[in-house]
PDB file of N, CA and C in Angstrom:
ATOM      1  N   MET A   1     -23.722 -42.749 -45.895  1.00  0.00           N
ATOM      2  CA  MET A   1     -23.439 -42.056 -44.672  1.00  0.00           C
ATOM      3  C   MET A   1     -22.214 -42.848 -44.028  1.00  0.00           C
ATOM      4  N   ALA A   2     -21.379 -41.789 -43.224  1.00  0.00           N
ATOM      5  CA  ALA A   2     -20.249 -42.446 -42.432  1.00  0.00           C
ATOM      6  C   ALA A   2     -20.512 -42.782 -41.187  1.00  0.00           C
ATOM      7  N   LYS A   3     -20.338 -43.954 -40.500  1.00  0.00           N
ATOM      8  CA  LYS A   3     -20.146 -44.298 -39.382  1.00  0.00           C
ATOM      9  C   LYS A   3     -19.673 -43.400 -38.213  1.00  0.00           C
ATOM     10  N   ALA A   4     -20.384 -42.831 -36.957  1.00  0.00           N
ATOM     11  CA  ALA A   4     -19.714 -42.460 -35.795  1.00  0.00           C
ATOM     12  C   ALA A   4     -18.813 -43.174 -35.331  1.00  0.00           C
ATOM     13  N   ALA A   5     -17.655 -42.502 -35.100  1.00  0.00           N
ATOM     14  CA  ALA A   5     -16.290 -43.285 -34.352  1.00  0.00           C
ATOM     15  C   ALA A   5     -16.745 -43.597 -33.063  1.00  0.00           C
ATOM     16  N   LYS A   6     -16.535 -44.672 -32.660  1.00  0.00           N
ATOM     17  CA  LYS A   6     -16.813 -44.817 -31.196  1.00  0.00           C
ATOM     18  C   LYS A   6     -15.414 -45.268 -30.336  1.00  0.00           C
ATOM     19  N   THR A   7     -15.573 -44.268 -29.407  1.00  0.00           N
ATOM     20  CA  THR A   7     -14.240 -44.067 -28.483  1.00  0.00           C
ATOM     21  C   THR A   7     -14.190 -44.659 -27.369  1.00  0.00           C
ATOM     22  N   ALA A   8     -15.637 -45.611 -26.983  1.00  0.00           N
ATOM     23  CA  ALA A   8     -15.381 -46.360 -25.674  1.00  0.00           C
ATOM     24  C   ALA A   8     -14.726 -47.428 -25.894  1.00  0.00           C
ATOM     25  N   ILE A   9     -14.112 -47.640 -24.777  1.00  0.00           N
ATOM     26  CA  ILE A   9     -13.383 -49.095 -25.009  1.00  0.00           C
ATOM     27  C   ILE A   9     -14.129 -50.060 -24.617  1.00  0.00           C
ATOM     28  N   LYS A  10     -14.343 -51.148 -25.329  1.00  0.00           N
ATOM     29  CA  LYS A  10     -15.246 -52.341 -25.350  1.00  0.00           C
ATOM     30  C   LYS A  10     -14.124 -53.592 -24.610  1.00  0.00           C
ATOM     31  N   THR A  11     -14.415 -53.796 -23.472  1.00  0.00           N
ATOM     32  CA  THR A  11     -13.839 -54.913 -23.190  1.00  0.00           C
ATOM     33  C   THR A  11     -14.958 -55.592 -21.725  1.00  0.00           C
ATOM     34  N   LYS A  12     -14.688 -56.648 -21.469  1.00  0.00           N
ATOM     35  CA  LYS A  12     -15.252 -57.467 -20.369  1.00  0.00           C
ATOM     36  C   LYS A  12     -14.893 -57.067 -19.154  1.00  0.00           C
ATOM     37  N   ASP A  13     -13.403 -56.667 -19.098  1.00  0.00           N
ATOM     38  CA  ASP A  13     -12.762 -56.344 -17.850  1.00  0.00           C
ATOM     39  C   ASP A  13     -12.920 -55.000 -17.412  1.00  0.00           C
ATOM     40  N   ALA A  14     -13.620 -54.423 -16.524  1.00  0.00           N
ATOM     41  CA  ALA A  14     -13.382 -53.398 -16.166  1.00  0.00           C
ATOM     42  C   ALA A  14     -12.607 -52.626 -15.557  1.00  0.00           C
ATOM     43  N   ARG A  15     -11.856 -53.324 -15.116  1.00  0.00           N
ATOM     44  CA  ARG A  15     -10.390 -52.857 -14.302  1.00  0.00           C
ATOM     45  C   ARG A  15      -9.323 -52.668 -15.601  1.00  0.00           C
ATOM     46  N   ALA A  16      -9.351 -53.446 -16.499  1.00  0.00           N
ATOM     47  CA  ALA A  16      -8.551 -53.072 -17.790  1.00  0.00           C
ATOM     48  C   ALA A  16      -8.882 -51.791 -18.469  1.00  0.00           C
ATOM     49  N   ALA A  17     -10.468 -51.492 -18.755  1.00  0.00           N
ATOM     50  CA  ALA A  17     -10.750 -50.439 -19.153  1.00  0.00           C
ATOM     51  C   ALA A  17     -10.367 -49.330 -18.648  1.00  0.00           C
ATOM     52  N   ALA A  18     -10.459 -49.290 -17.097  1.00  0.00           N
ATOM     53  CA  ALA A  18      -9.862 -48.042 -16.323  1.00  0.00           C
ATOM     54  C   ALA A  18      -8.597 -47.703 -16.368  1.00  0.00           C
ATOM     55  N   GLU A  19      -7.714 -48.784 -16.470  1.00  0.00           N
ATOM     56  CA  GLU A  19      -6.265 -48.655 -16.571  1.00  0.00           C
ATOM     57  C   GLU A  19      -5.748 -47.999 -17.979  1.00  0.00           C
ATOM     58  N   ALA A  20      -6.666 -48.422 -19.012  1.00  0.00           N
ATOM     59  CA  ALA A  20      -6.327 -47.967 -20.627  1.00  0.00           C
ATOM     60  C   ALA A  20      -6.636 -46.365 -20.479  1.00  0.00           C
ATOM     61  N   LYS A  21      -7.601 -45.886 -19.616  1.00  0.00           N
ATOM     62  CA  LYS A  21      -7.840 -44.566 -19.804  1.00  0.00           C
ATOM     63  C   LYS A  21      -6.798 -43.635 -19.111  1.00  0.00           C
ATOM     64  N   ASN A  22      -5.719 -44.237 -18.754  1.00  0.00           N
ATOM     65  CA  ASN A  22      -4.471 -43.306 -18.016  1.00  0.00           C
ATOM     66  C   ASN A  22      -3.320 -43.680 -19.094  1.00  0.00           C
ATOM     67  N   TRP A  23      -3.402 -43.898 -20.051  1.00  0.00           N
ATOM     68  CA  TRP A  23      -2.526 -43.586 -21.281  1.00  0.00           C
ATOM     69  C   TRP A  23      -3.159 -42.556 -22.305  1.00  0.00           C
ATOM     70  N   THR A  24      -2.150 -41.758 -22.964  1.00  0.00           N
ATOM     71  CA  THR A  24      -2.313 -40.754 -23.834  1.00  0.00           C
ATOM     72  C   THR A  24      -1.339 -40.907 -24.952  1.00  0.00           C
ATOM     73  N   LYS A  25      -1.707 -40.809 -26.100  1.00  0.00           N
ATOM     74  CA  LYS A  25      -1.043 -40.547 -27.428  1.00  0.00           C
ATOM     75  C   LYS A  25      -0.343 -39.076 -27.306  1.00  0.00           C
ATOM     76  N   VAL A  26       0.864 -38.873 -27.496  1.00  0.00           N
ATOM     77  CA  VAL A  26       1.744 -37.986 -27.628  1.00  0.00           C
ATOM     78  C   VAL A  26       2.406 -37.680 -29.107  1.00  0.00           C
ATOM     79  N   ILE A  27       2.132 -36.429 -29.622  1.00  0.00           N
ATOM     80  CA  ILE A  27       2.804 -36.300 -30.975  1.00  0.00           C
ATOM     81  C   ILE A  27       3.501 -34.892 -30.599  1.00  0.00           C
ATOM     82  N   ARG A  28       4.922 -35.068 -30.891  1.00  0.00           N
ATOM     83  CA  ARG A  28       5.764 -34.129 -30.746  1.00  0.00           C
ATOM     84  C   ARG A  28       6.516 -33.662 -32.138  1.00  0.00           C
ATOM     85  N   ALA A  29       6.671 -32.465 -32.354  1.00  0.00           N
ATOM     86  CA  ALA A  29       7.212 -31.880 -33.477  1.00  0.00           C
ATOM     87  C   ALA A  29       8.835 -31.946 -33.481  1.00  0.00           C
ATOM     88  N   VAL A  30       9.492 -32.521 -34.328  1.00  0.00           N
ATOM     89  CA  VAL A  30      11.139 -32.386 -34.225  1.00  0.00           C
ATOM     90  C   VAL A  30      11.707 -31.971 -35.453  1.00  0.00           C
ATOM     91  N   ARG A  31      12.453 -30.958 -35.348  1.00  0.00           N
ATOM     92  CA  ARG A  31      13.015 -30.166 -36.492  1.00  0.00           C
ATOM     93  C   ARG A  31      14.367 -30.934 -36.747  1.00  0.00           C
ATOM     94  N   SER A  32      14.438 -30.945 -37.888  1.00  0.00           N
ATOM     95  CA  SER A  32      15.600 -31.776 -38.491  1.00  0.00           C
ATOM     96  C   SER A  32      16.779 -30.708 -38.540  1.00  0.00           C
ATOM     97  N   GLN A  33      17.683 -31.121 -37.976  1.00  0.00           N
ATOM     98  CA  GLN A  33      19.038 -29.937 -37.945  1.00  0.00           C
ATOM     99  C   GLN A  33      19.659 -29.870 -39.738  1.00  0.00           C
ATOM    100  N   LYS A  34      19.698 -30.851 -40.490  1.00  0.00           N
ATOM    101  CA  LYS A  34      20.154 -30.652 -41.785  1.00  0.00           C
ATOM    102  C   LYS A  34      19.164 -30.206 -42.466  1.00  0.00           C
ATOM    103  N   THR A  35      17.844 -30.236 -42.603  1.00  0.00           N
ATOM    104  CA  THR A  35      17.040 -29.940 -43.731  1.00  0.00           C
ATOM    105  C   THR A  35      15.983 -28.586 -43.179  1.00  0.00           C
ATOM    106  N   GLY A  36      15.933 -28.557 -42.061  1.00  0.00           N
ATOM    107  CA  GLY A  36      14.967 -27.806 -41.301  1.00  0.00           C
ATOM    108  C   GLY A  36      13.506 -28.266 -41.302  1.00  0.00           C
ATOM    109  N   ALA A  37      13.420 -29.223 -41.668  1.00  0.00           N
ATOM    110  CA  ALA A  37      11.811 -29.728 -42.021  1.00  0.00           C
ATOM    111  C   ALA A  37      11.522 -30.255 -40.630  1.00  0.00           C
ATOM    112  N   TYR A  38      10.081 -30.348 -40.394  1.00  0.00           N
ATOM    113  CA  TYR A  38       9.819 -30.790 -39.334  1.00  0.00           C
ATOM    114  C   TYR A  38       8.956 -32.320 -39.596  1.00  0.00           C
ATOM    115  N   THR A  39       9.281 -33.247 -38.637  1.00  0.00           N
ATOM    116  CA  THR A  39       9.143 -34.348 -38.442  1.00  0.00           C
ATOM    117  C   THR A  39       8.197 -34.664 -37.470  1.00  0.00           C
ATOM    118  N   PHE A  40       7.157 -35.968 -37.219  1.00  0.00           N
ATOM    119  CA  PHE A  40       6.399 -35.775 -35.830  1.00  0.00           C
ATOM    120  C   PHE A  40       6.777 -37.206 -35.360  1.00  0.00           C
ATOM    121  N   LYS A  41       7.092 -37.063 -33.961  1.00  0.00           N
ATOM    122  CA  LYS A  41       7.306 -38.339 -33.194  1.00  0.00           C
ATOM    123  C   LYS A  41       5.958 -38.578 -32.552  1.00  0.00           C
ATOM    124  N   GLU A  42       5.543 -39.817 -32.451  1.00  0.00           N
ATOM    125  CA  GLU A  42       4.479 -40.217 -31.585  1.00  0.00           C
ATOM    126  C   GLU A  42       4.715 -41.222 -30.571  1.00  0.00           C
ATOM    127  N   ALA A  43       4.035 -41.380 -29.390  1.00  0.00           N
ATOM    128  CA  ALA A  43       4.343 -42.118 -28.348  1.00  0.00           C
ATOM    129  C   ALA A  43       3.213 -42.221 -27.548  1.00  0.00           C
ATOM    130  N   ILE A  44       3.184 -43.364 -27.025  1.00  0.00           N
ATOM    131  CA  ILE A  44       2.115 -43.689 -26.138  1.00  0.00           C
ATOM    132  C   ILE A  44       2.344 -43.422 -24.427  1.00  0.00           C
ATOM    133  N   ILE A  45       2.009 -42.845 -23.858  1.00  0.00           N
ATOM    134  CA  ILE A  45       2.765 -42.236 -22.793  1.00  0.00           C
ATOM    135  C   ILE A  45       1.841 -42.246 -21.327  1.00  0.00           C
ATOM    136  N   HIS A  46       2.076 -42.821 -20.380  1.00  0.00           N
ATOM    137  CA  HIS A  46       1.195 -42.857 -19.096  1.00  0.00           C
ATOM    138  C   HIS A  46       1.270 -41.299 -18.956  1.00  0.00           C
ATOM    139  N   LYS A  47      -0.153 -40.923 -18.375  1.00  0.00           N
ATOM    140  CA  LYS A  47      -0.453 -39.567 -17.826  1.00  0.00           C
ATOM    141  C   LYS A  47       0.279 -38.972 -17.229  1.00  0.00           C
ATOM    142  N   ASP A  48       1.067 -39.531 -16.027  1.00  0.00           N
ATOM    143  CA  ASP A  48       1.753 -39.358 -15.146  1.00  0.00           C
ATOM    144  C   ASP A  48       3.110 -38.509 -15.659  1.00  0.00           C
ATOM    145  N   LYS A  49       3.427 -39.131 -16.845  1.00  0.00           N
ATOM    146  CA  LYS A  49       4.823 -38.972 -17.271  1.00  0.00           C
ATOM    147  C   LYS A  49       4.830 -38.077 -18.645  1.00  0.00           C
ATOM    148  N   ILE A  50       3.761 -37.322 -18.867  1.00  0.00           N
ATOM    149  CA  ILE A  50       3.739 -36.512 -20.208  1.00  0.00           C
ATOM    150  C   ILE A  50       4.631 -35.342 -19.888  1.00  0.00           C
ATOM    151  N   ARG A  51       4.690 -34.828 -19.095  1.00  0.00           N
ATOM    152  CA  ARG A  51       5.679 -33.333 -18.766  1.00  0.00           C
ATOM    153  C   ARG A  51       7.364 -33.847 -18.883  1.00  0.00           C
ATOM    154  N   GLN A  52       7.324 -34.806 -18.137  1.00  0.00           N
ATOM    155  CA  GLN A  52       8.924 -35.352 -18.337  1.00  0.00           C
ATOM    156  C   GLN A  52       9.200 -35.579 -19.897  1.00  0.00           C
ATOM    157  N   TYR A  53       8.220 -36.213 -20.674  1.00  0.00           N
ATOM    158  CA  TYR A  53       8.271 -36.573 -21.830  1.00  0.00           C
ATOM    159  C   TYR A  53       8.700 -35.438 -22.827  1.00  0.00           C
ATOM    160  N   LEU A  54       7.943 -34.568 -22.545  1.00  0.00           N
ATOM    161  CA  LEU A  54       7.813 -33.116 -23.455  1.00  0.00           C
ATOM    162  C   LEU A  54       8.900 -32.462 -23.227  1.00  0.00           C
ATOM    163  N   ALA A  55       9.487 -32.423 -21.917  1.00  0.00           N
ATOM    164  CA  ALA A  55      10.863 -31.406 -21.479  1.00  0.00           C
ATOM    165  C   ALA A  55      11.897 -32.148 -22.150  1.00  0.00           C
ATOM    166  N   GLN A  56      12.168 -33.488 -22.368  1.00  0.00           N
ATOM    167  CA  GLN A  56      13.281 -33.972 -22.812  1.00  0.00           C
ATOM    168  C   GLN A  56      13.512 -33.905 -24.322  1.00  0.00           C
ATOM    169  N   LYS A  57      14.787 -33.663 -24.838  1.00  0.00           N
ATOM    170  CA  LYS A  57      15.122 -33.162 -26.066  1.00  0.00           C
ATOM    171  C   LYS A  57      15.717 -34.376 -26.966  1.00  0.00           C
TER     172      LYS A  57
END
């Protein structure tokens, strides 16, 4: 049987755990002009700056 994934942040510092929840992994599809194929760019962004990140080209 497979183990269930644990998504809880395990740390002794509650403040650090609360701050870690403010970050989000963003995956953006980018199309190559040369081949037309899509590649994926991953970044870890603060939740307040996600719209700015996705708006830029």
